[in-house]
Amino acid sequence: MGVFTHDMEVSAPIPPAKAFKAIVLDFDTLFPKVVPDSIKSVEVLEGDGGPGTIKKVTFAEGFGLDYVKHKVNELDKDNLFYSYSVIEGDILKNILEKITYDVKFVAGPDGGAICKRTTKFYSIGDVEIKEEAIKAGMERQARVFKAVEDYLVANPDA
């Protein structure tokens, strides 16, 4: 198994606690509402939202993927840290065992947040992971997060 790591930082004009709440804690209800052209539904298959919880994310038609299953590895509300793994779905394309995301929200400039994310891709065997595929996936995720950010800015009480 090979492991490819990708680090990314994204700033948002939203305070870290609010960004964490929206993107992590309210993901199941907020994302299908705000980005229905990307995420059709999120359902909890088992668990209470904490470590060990498994969720199924069904993507909208035309998004390019059908579904993924996430397993929550760690949820630290006090330190605004979230870790989860994609354990099933067509994004793995029979070349990845799993994808793990470690996400930390910290204070940014002007009261905003910086989302620091480390993504680890665990390949099956000696399969080489193409940088362009990783970049395309990250860009797609960034568009979805930007739409949620825009929604939160436009709806400060959400």
N, C-alpha and C. Protein backbone atom coordinates (compact mmCIF):
# COMPACT_ATOMS: atom_id res chain seq x y z
N MET A 1 0.83 -1.17 0.00
CA MET A 1 0.00 0.00 0.00
C MET A 1 0.88 1.24 0.00
N GLY A 2 0.53 2.19 -0.86
CA GLY A 2 1.21 3.47 -0.87
C GLY A 2 0.32 4.52 -0.25
N VAL A 3 0.93 5.56 0.29
CA VAL A 3 0.17 6.66 0.89
C VAL A 3 0.64 7.96 0.25
N PHE A 4 -0.31 8.71 -0.27
CA PHE A 4 -0.03 10.02 -0.84
C PHE A 4 -0.74 11.04 0.04
N THR A 5 -0.01 12.07 0.48
CA THR A 5 -0.57 13.08 1.38
C THR A 5 -0.68 14.42 0.66
N HIS A 6 -1.80 15.10 0.88
CA HIS A 6 -2.03 16.42 0.29
C HIS A 6 -2.50 17.35 1.41
N ASP A 7 -1.80 18.48 1.59
CA ASP A 7 -2.18 19.48 2.59
C ASP A 7 -2.79 20.68 1.89
N MET A 8 -3.79 21.26 2.54
CA MET A 8 -4.47 22.41 1.96
C MET A 8 -4.96 23.32 3.08
N GLU A 9 -4.92 24.63 2.83
CA GLU A 9 -5.48 25.61 3.75
C GLU A 9 -6.44 26.49 2.98
N VAL A 10 -7.60 26.73 3.59
CA VAL A 10 -8.61 27.59 2.98
C VAL A 10 -9.04 28.59 4.03
N SER A 11 -9.10 29.88 3.67
CA SER A 11 -9.59 30.90 4.59
C SER A 11 -11.04 31.20 4.30
N ALA A 12 -11.74 31.60 5.35
CA ALA A 12 -13.15 31.96 5.24
C ALA A 12 -13.41 33.15 6.17
N PRO A 13 -14.34 34.01 5.79
CA PRO A 13 -14.63 35.18 6.63
C PRO A 13 -15.55 34.86 7.81
N ILE A 14 -15.70 33.59 8.14
CA ILE A 14 -16.59 33.13 9.20
C ILE A 14 -15.74 32.72 10.40
N PRO A 15 -16.17 33.03 11.61
CA PRO A 15 -15.40 32.61 12.79
C PRO A 15 -15.19 31.09 12.81
N PRO A 16 -14.07 30.63 13.37
CA PRO A 16 -13.76 29.20 13.35
C PRO A 16 -14.85 28.30 13.94
N ALA A 17 -15.43 28.69 15.07
CA ALA A 17 -16.46 27.84 15.69
C ALA A 17 -17.69 27.72 14.80
N LYS A 18 -18.06 28.81 14.14
CA LYS A 18 -19.23 28.77 13.26
C LYS A 18 -18.93 27.94 12.01
N ALA A 19 -17.73 28.08 11.47
CA ALA A 19 -17.34 27.29 10.29
C ALA A 19 -17.33 25.80 10.65
N PHE A 20 -16.78 25.46 11.81
CA PHE A 20 -16.75 24.07 12.27
C PHE A 20 -18.17 23.52 12.42
N LYS A 21 -19.02 24.30 13.05
CA LYS A 21 -20.41 23.86 13.26
C LYS A 21 -21.09 23.58 11.92
N ALA A 22 -20.96 24.50 10.98
CA ALA A 22 -21.62 24.35 9.68
C ALA A 22 -21.05 23.20 8.87
N ILE A 23 -19.74 23.17 8.75
CA ILE A 23 -19.11 22.21 7.84
C ILE A 23 -19.01 20.81 8.44
N VAL A 24 -18.92 20.72 9.76
CA VAL A 24 -18.78 19.41 10.40
C VAL A 24 -20.08 18.97 11.08
N LEU A 25 -20.54 19.75 12.05
CA LEU A 25 -21.68 19.32 12.86
C LEU A 25 -23.01 19.37 12.10
N ASP A 26 -23.19 20.36 11.23
CA ASP A 26 -24.45 20.51 10.50
C ASP A 26 -24.37 19.98 9.07
N PHE A 27 -23.29 19.30 8.74
CA PHE A 27 -23.07 18.79 7.38
C PHE A 27 -24.27 18.03 6.83
N ASP A 28 -24.82 17.13 7.65
CA ASP A 28 -25.89 16.23 7.19
C ASP A 28 -27.11 16.98 6.67
N THR A 29 -27.48 18.08 7.30
CA THR A 29 -28.67 18.82 6.88
C THR A 29 -28.34 20.05 6.03
N LEU A 30 -27.23 20.70 6.33
CA LEU A 30 -26.89 21.95 5.63
C LEU A 30 -26.45 21.74 4.18
N PHE A 31 -25.57 20.79 3.94
CA PHE A 31 -25.02 20.62 2.59
C PHE A 31 -26.08 20.24 1.55
N PRO A 32 -26.98 19.28 1.82
CA PRO A 32 -28.00 18.98 0.80
C PRO A 32 -28.91 20.18 0.52
N LYS A 33 -29.11 21.03 1.52
CA LYS A 33 -29.95 22.22 1.36
C LYS A 33 -29.23 23.31 0.55
N VAL A 34 -27.95 23.52 0.85
CA VAL A 34 -27.20 24.63 0.24
C VAL A 34 -26.61 24.27 -1.12
N VAL A 35 -26.19 23.02 -1.29
CA VAL A 35 -25.57 22.60 -2.55
C VAL A 35 -26.29 21.35 -3.11
N PRO A 36 -27.59 21.48 -3.40
CA PRO A 36 -28.34 20.32 -3.89
C PRO A 36 -27.87 19.84 -5.26
N ASP A 37 -27.15 20.69 -5.98
CA ASP A 37 -26.60 20.27 -7.28
C ASP A 37 -25.35 19.42 -7.10
N SER A 38 -24.85 19.33 -5.86
CA SER A 38 -23.68 18.51 -5.55
C SER A 38 -24.04 17.34 -4.63
N ILE A 39 -24.73 17.63 -3.55
CA ILE A 39 -25.05 16.61 -2.55
C ILE A 39 -26.57 16.47 -2.45
N LYS A 40 -27.03 15.28 -2.80
CA LYS A 40 -28.46 14.99 -2.77
C LYS A 40 -28.94 14.71 -1.35
N SER A 41 -28.20 13.87 -0.62
CA SER A 41 -28.61 13.52 0.73
C SER A 41 -27.44 12.99 1.54
N VAL A 42 -27.61 13.04 2.87
CA VAL A 42 -26.66 12.46 3.80
C VAL A 42 -27.48 11.69 4.82
N GLU A 43 -27.16 10.43 5.01
CA GLU A 43 -27.88 9.65 6.01
C GLU A 43 -26.89 8.95 6.93
N VAL A 44 -27.23 8.94 8.21
CA VAL A 44 -26.43 8.24 9.20
C VAL A 44 -26.85 6.78 9.17
N LEU A 45 -25.92 5.90 8.84
CA LEU A 45 -26.21 4.47 8.77
C LEU A 45 -26.05 3.80 10.13
N GLU A 46 -25.07 4.28 10.91
CA GLU A 46 -24.91 3.78 12.27
C GLU A 46 -24.12 4.80 13.08
N GLY A 47 -24.40 4.82 14.38
CA GLY A 47 -23.69 5.72 15.27
C GLY A 47 -24.49 6.96 15.62
N ASP A 48 -23.87 7.79 16.47
CA ASP A 48 -24.52 9.00 16.99
C ASP A 48 -23.83 10.29 16.53
N GLY A 49 -22.97 10.18 15.54
CA GLY A 49 -22.24 11.35 15.04
C GLY A 49 -20.80 11.39 15.52
N GLY A 50 -20.50 10.67 16.58
CA GLY A 50 -19.15 10.64 17.13
C GLY A 50 -18.31 9.57 16.46
N PRO A 51 -17.13 9.29 17.02
CA PRO A 51 -16.24 8.28 16.45
C PRO A 51 -16.96 6.95 16.22
N GLY A 52 -16.70 6.37 15.05
CA GLY A 52 -17.33 5.12 14.66
C GLY A 52 -18.59 5.29 13.83
N THR A 53 -19.15 6.50 13.82
CA THR A 53 -20.35 6.76 13.03
C THR A 53 -20.06 6.56 11.55
N ILE A 54 -21.00 5.96 10.84
CA ILE A 54 -20.88 5.77 9.40
C ILE A 54 -22.02 6.51 8.73
N LYS A 55 -21.67 7.35 7.74
CA LYS A 55 -22.64 8.14 6.99
C LYS A 55 -22.53 7.82 5.51
N LYS A 56 -23.66 7.86 4.84
CA LYS A 56 -23.68 7.69 3.39
C LYS A 56 -24.05 9.03 2.77
N VAL A 57 -23.18 9.53 1.91
CA VAL A 57 -23.41 10.77 1.17
C VAL A 57 -23.75 10.38 -0.26
N THR A 58 -24.96 10.75 -0.68
CA THR A 58 -25.39 10.48 -2.05
C THR A 58 -25.27 11.78 -2.83
N PHE A 59 -24.56 11.72 -3.94
CA PHE A 59 -24.32 12.92 -4.74
C PHE A 59 -25.45 13.14 -5.75
N ALA A 60 -25.60 14.39 -6.15
CA ALA A 60 -26.62 14.76 -7.12
C ALA A 60 -26.25 14.21 -8.49
N GLU A 61 -27.27 13.97 -9.28
CA GLU A 61 -27.06 13.51 -10.66
C GLU A 61 -26.22 14.55 -11.40
N GLY A 62 -25.23 14.07 -12.14
CA GLY A 62 -24.36 14.96 -12.89
C GLY A 62 -23.14 15.44 -12.12
N PHE A 63 -23.03 15.09 -10.83
CA PHE A 63 -21.88 15.51 -10.02
C PHE A 63 -20.61 14.76 -10.42
N GLY A 64 -20.78 13.56 -10.95
CA GLY A 64 -19.62 12.79 -11.37
C GLY A 64 -19.31 11.62 -10.46
N LEU A 65 -20.01 11.55 -9.34
CA LEU A 65 -19.87 10.44 -8.40
C LEU A 65 -21.27 10.04 -7.95
N ASP A 66 -21.42 8.78 -7.53
CA ASP A 66 -22.73 8.32 -7.04
C ASP A 66 -22.86 8.52 -5.54
N TYR A 67 -21.93 7.92 -4.78
CA TYR A 67 -22.02 8.01 -3.33
C TYR A 67 -20.66 7.71 -2.70
N VAL A 68 -20.54 8.06 -1.42
CA VAL A 68 -19.42 7.63 -0.59
C VAL A 68 -19.96 7.31 0.79
N LYS A 69 -19.23 6.47 1.49
CA LYS A 69 -19.52 6.23 2.90
C LYS A 69 -18.34 6.76 3.70
N HIS A 70 -18.66 7.57 4.72
CA HIS A 70 -17.67 8.14 5.63
C HIS A 70 -17.72 7.41 6.95
N LYS A 71 -16.56 7.25 7.56
CA LYS A 71 -16.50 6.76 8.94
C LYS A 71 -15.80 7.82 9.77
N VAL A 72 -16.46 8.27 10.83
CA VAL A 72 -15.88 9.28 11.70
C VAL A 72 -14.79 8.64 12.54
N ASN A 73 -13.59 9.21 12.47
CA ASN A 73 -12.46 8.71 13.26
C ASN A 73 -12.33 9.45 14.58
N GLU A 74 -12.49 10.78 14.52
CA GLU A 74 -12.34 11.62 15.71
C GLU A 74 -13.17 12.87 15.53
N LEU A 75 -13.79 13.31 16.62
CA LEU A 75 -14.57 14.54 16.63
C LEU A 75 -14.25 15.26 17.93
N ASP A 76 -13.51 16.37 17.84
CA ASP A 76 -13.11 17.14 19.01
C ASP A 76 -13.70 18.54 18.88
N LYS A 77 -14.87 18.72 19.46
CA LYS A 77 -15.59 20.00 19.35
C LYS A 77 -14.85 21.13 20.04
N ASP A 78 -14.16 20.83 21.14
CA ASP A 78 -13.44 21.87 21.88
C ASP A 78 -12.27 22.44 21.08
N ASN A 79 -11.58 21.58 20.35
CA ASN A 79 -10.41 22.00 19.58
C ASN A 79 -10.71 22.15 18.09
N LEU A 80 -11.98 22.08 17.73
CA LEU A 80 -12.43 22.28 16.34
C LEU A 80 -11.66 21.37 15.37
N PHE A 81 -11.57 20.09 15.74
CA PHE A 81 -10.86 19.11 14.92
C PHE A 81 -11.80 17.97 14.56
N TYR A 82 -11.69 17.53 13.30
CA TYR A 82 -12.54 16.44 12.80
C TYR A 82 -11.70 15.56 11.89
N SER A 83 -11.82 14.26 12.08
CA SER A 83 -11.12 13.31 11.22
C SER A 83 -12.12 12.26 10.77
N TYR A 84 -12.13 12.01 9.47
CA TYR A 84 -13.02 10.97 8.93
C TYR A 84 -12.35 10.31 7.74
N SER A 85 -12.84 9.12 7.42
CA SER A 85 -12.29 8.38 6.28
C SER A 85 -13.41 8.01 5.32
N VAL A 86 -13.13 8.13 4.04
CA VAL A 86 -14.02 7.58 3.03
C VAL A 86 -13.65 6.10 2.93
N ILE A 87 -14.62 5.24 3.25
CA ILE A 87 -14.34 3.80 3.32
C ILE A 87 -15.01 3.01 2.19
N GLU A 88 -15.90 3.67 1.46
CA GLU A 88 -16.60 2.99 0.37
C GLU A 88 -17.12 4.04 -0.60
N GLY A 89 -17.24 3.65 -1.86
CA GLY A 89 -17.83 4.54 -2.86
C GLY A 89 -17.02 4.58 -4.12
N ASP A 90 -17.65 5.12 -5.17
CA ASP A 90 -17.00 5.11 -6.47
C ASP A 90 -15.80 6.04 -6.57
N ILE A 91 -15.61 6.93 -5.61
CA ILE A 91 -14.42 7.78 -5.61
C ILE A 91 -13.15 6.95 -5.40
N LEU A 92 -13.29 5.80 -4.75
CA LEU A 92 -12.13 4.94 -4.49
C LEU A 92 -11.68 4.19 -5.75
N LYS A 93 -12.57 4.01 -6.70
CA LYS A 93 -12.27 3.45 -8.03
C LYS A 93 -11.42 2.19 -8.03
N ASN A 94 -11.57 1.36 -7.03
CA ASN A 94 -10.80 0.11 -6.94
C ASN A 94 -9.28 0.31 -6.97
N ILE A 95 -8.84 1.55 -6.73
CA ILE A 95 -7.39 1.79 -6.64
C ILE A 95 -7.00 2.33 -5.26
N LEU A 96 -8.02 2.75 -4.50
CA LEU A 96 -7.78 3.27 -3.16
C LEU A 96 -8.47 2.40 -2.12
N GLU A 97 -7.76 2.14 -1.04
CA GLU A 97 -8.37 1.43 0.08
C GLU A 97 -9.28 2.38 0.84
N LYS A 98 -8.79 3.61 1.06
CA LYS A 98 -9.56 4.63 1.76
C LYS A 98 -8.90 5.98 1.54
N ILE A 99 -9.62 7.02 1.91
CA ILE A 99 -9.10 8.39 1.93
C ILE A 99 -9.42 8.94 3.31
N THR A 100 -8.42 9.48 3.98
CA THR A 100 -8.62 10.03 5.31
C THR A 100 -8.40 11.53 5.29
N TYR A 101 -9.33 12.25 5.92
CA TYR A 101 -9.28 13.71 6.01
C TYR A 101 -9.14 14.11 7.47
N ASP A 102 -8.14 14.90 7.78
CA ASP A 102 -7.99 15.51 9.09
C ASP A 102 -8.20 17.01 8.90
N VAL A 103 -9.20 17.56 9.58
CA VAL A 103 -9.61 18.94 9.36
C VAL A 103 -9.55 19.70 10.69
N LYS A 104 -8.86 20.84 10.68
CA LYS A 104 -8.72 21.67 11.88
C LYS A 104 -9.06 23.10 11.51
N PHE A 105 -9.91 23.72 12.32
CA PHE A 105 -10.28 25.12 12.12
C PHE A 105 -9.56 25.96 13.15
N VAL A 106 -8.88 27.02 12.69
CA VAL A 106 -8.16 27.94 13.56
C VAL A 106 -8.53 29.36 13.22
N ALA A 107 -8.23 30.28 14.12
CA ALA A 107 -8.52 31.69 13.89
C ALA A 107 -7.70 32.22 12.73
N GLY A 108 -8.37 32.99 11.90
CA GLY A 108 -7.72 33.64 10.77
C GLY A 108 -7.80 35.14 10.92
N PRO A 109 -7.42 35.86 9.89
CA PRO A 109 -7.44 37.33 9.96
C PRO A 109 -8.87 37.87 10.02
N ASP A 110 -9.01 39.01 10.68
CA ASP A 110 -10.28 39.74 10.75
C ASP A 110 -11.43 38.91 11.30
N GLY A 111 -11.16 38.01 12.23
CA GLY A 111 -12.21 37.23 12.86
C GLY A 111 -12.66 36.01 12.07
N GLY A 112 -12.03 35.79 10.94
CA GLY A 112 -12.40 34.65 10.10
C GLY A 112 -11.70 33.37 10.55
N ALA A 113 -11.82 32.35 9.73
CA ALA A 113 -11.24 31.05 10.04
C ALA A 113 -10.28 30.61 8.94
N ILE A 114 -9.35 29.78 9.34
CA ILE A 114 -8.51 29.06 8.38
C ILE A 114 -8.80 27.58 8.61
N CYS A 115 -9.17 26.92 7.55
CA CYS A 115 -9.43 25.48 7.61
C CYS A 115 -8.17 24.79 7.08
N LYS A 116 -7.52 24.04 7.96
CA LYS A 116 -6.31 23.31 7.59
C LYS A 116 -6.71 21.85 7.41
N ARG A 117 -6.45 21.33 6.22
CA ARG A 117 -6.88 19.96 5.94
C ARG A 117 -5.72 19.14 5.39
N THR A 118 -5.53 17.97 5.98
CA THR A 118 -4.56 17.00 5.47
C THR A 118 -5.36 15.81 4.96
N THR A 119 -5.13 15.47 3.71
CA THR A 119 -5.81 14.34 3.08
C THR A 119 -4.78 13.27 2.78
N LYS A 120 -5.08 12.05 3.19
CA LYS A 120 -4.19 10.92 2.91
C LYS A 120 -4.95 9.92 2.05
N PHE A 121 -4.33 9.59 0.92
CA PHE A 121 -4.89 8.62 -0.02
C PHE A 121 -4.11 7.33 0.14
N TYR A 122 -4.81 6.25 0.50
CA TYR A 122 -4.18 4.95 0.72
C TYR A 122 -4.47 4.07 -0.49
N SER A 123 -3.45 3.85 -1.32
CA SER A 123 -3.65 3.08 -2.54
C SER A 123 -3.59 1.58 -2.26
N ILE A 124 -4.26 0.83 -3.13
CA ILE A 124 -4.22 -0.63 -3.07
C ILE A 124 -2.99 -1.06 -3.86
N GLY A 125 -2.13 -1.83 -3.22
CA GLY A 125 -0.92 -2.29 -3.90
C GLY A 125 -0.01 -1.14 -4.26
N ASP A 126 0.61 -1.24 -5.43
CA ASP A 126 1.56 -0.23 -5.88
C ASP A 126 0.97 0.74 -6.90
N VAL A 127 -0.34 0.90 -6.86
CA VAL A 127 -1.01 1.79 -7.80
C VAL A 127 -0.52 3.22 -7.56
N GLU A 128 -0.19 3.90 -8.65
CA GLU A 128 0.25 5.29 -8.55
C GLU A 128 -0.96 6.21 -8.63
N ILE A 129 -1.03 7.15 -7.73
CA ILE A 129 -2.13 8.10 -7.71
C ILE A 129 -1.71 9.31 -8.53
N LYS A 130 -2.53 9.65 -9.51
CA LYS A 130 -2.20 10.76 -10.41
C LYS A 130 -2.54 12.10 -9.76
N GLU A 131 -1.58 13.01 -9.81
CA GLU A 131 -1.74 14.34 -9.22
C GLU A 131 -2.93 15.09 -9.82
N GLU A 132 -3.18 14.91 -11.13
CA GLU A 132 -4.30 15.63 -11.75
C GLU A 132 -5.64 15.17 -11.19
N ALA A 133 -5.76 13.88 -10.88
CA ALA A 133 -7.00 13.36 -10.30
C ALA A 133 -7.21 13.94 -8.90
N ILE A 134 -6.14 14.03 -8.14
CA ILE A 134 -6.22 14.61 -6.79
C ILE A 134 -6.63 16.07 -6.90
N LYS A 135 -6.01 16.79 -7.80
CA LYS A 135 -6.30 18.22 -7.96
C LYS A 135 -7.75 18.44 -8.38
N ALA A 136 -8.26 17.63 -9.29
CA ALA A 136 -9.65 17.76 -9.74
C ALA A 136 -10.61 17.53 -8.58
N GLY A 137 -10.34 16.52 -7.75
CA GLY A 137 -11.18 16.25 -6.60
C GLY A 137 -11.15 17.37 -5.58
N MET A 138 -9.98 17.92 -5.34
CA MET A 138 -9.84 19.03 -4.39
C MET A 138 -10.57 20.28 -4.89
N GLU A 139 -10.49 20.53 -6.19
CA GLU A 139 -11.19 21.69 -6.76
C GLU A 139 -12.70 21.53 -6.65
N ARG A 140 -13.19 20.31 -6.86
CA ARG A 140 -14.63 20.05 -6.74
C ARG A 140 -15.07 20.28 -5.30
N GLN A 141 -14.29 19.81 -4.33
CA GLN A 141 -14.63 20.02 -2.93
C GLN A 141 -14.57 21.50 -2.56
N ALA A 142 -13.59 22.20 -3.08
CA ALA A 142 -13.46 23.63 -2.79
C ALA A 142 -14.68 24.41 -3.29
N ARG A 143 -15.22 24.04 -4.44
CA ARG A 143 -16.43 24.71 -4.96
C ARG A 143 -17.62 24.48 -4.04
N VAL A 144 -17.75 23.28 -3.53
CA VAL A 144 -18.85 22.96 -2.62
C VAL A 144 -18.70 23.76 -1.33
N PHE A 145 -17.50 23.79 -0.75
CA PHE A 145 -17.27 24.54 0.48
C PHE A 145 -17.47 26.03 0.28
N LYS A 146 -17.09 26.56 -0.88
CA LYS A 146 -17.27 27.98 -1.18
C LYS A 146 -18.76 28.32 -1.22
N ALA A 147 -19.57 27.44 -1.78
CA ALA A 147 -21.02 27.66 -1.82
C ALA A 147 -21.60 27.71 -0.41
N VAL A 148 -21.11 26.84 0.48
CA VAL A 148 -21.57 26.84 1.87
C VAL A 148 -21.11 28.12 2.56
N GLU A 149 -19.87 28.52 2.31
CA GLU A 149 -19.37 29.78 2.88
C GLU A 149 -20.22 30.95 2.44
N ASP A 150 -20.52 31.03 1.14
CA ASP A 150 -21.36 32.11 0.62
C ASP A 150 -22.74 32.12 1.29
N TYR A 151 -23.30 30.94 1.51
CA TYR A 151 -24.59 30.82 2.18
C TYR A 151 -24.50 31.36 3.60
N LEU A 152 -23.46 31.01 4.33
CA LEU A 152 -23.31 31.46 5.71
C LEU A 152 -23.09 32.96 5.81
N VAL A 153 -22.36 33.52 4.87
CA VAL A 153 -22.15 34.97 4.84
C VAL A 153 -23.48 35.68 4.57
N ALA A 154 -24.26 35.15 3.63
CA ALA A 154 -25.55 35.76 3.27
C ALA A 154 -26.62 35.53 4.34
N ASN A 155 -26.43 34.49 5.15
CA ASN A 155 -27.41 34.14 6.19
C ASN A 155 -26.68 34.01 7.54
N PRO A 156 -26.28 35.13 8.13
CA PRO A 156 -25.46 35.08 9.34
C PRO A 156 -26.12 34.38 10.53
N ASP A 157 -27.42 34.27 10.54
CA ASP A 157 -28.11 33.59 11.65
C ASP A 157 -28.32 32.12 11.39
N ALA A 158 -27.85 31.63 10.24
CA ALA A 158 -28.06 30.22 9.91
C ALA A 158 -27.24 29.33 10.79
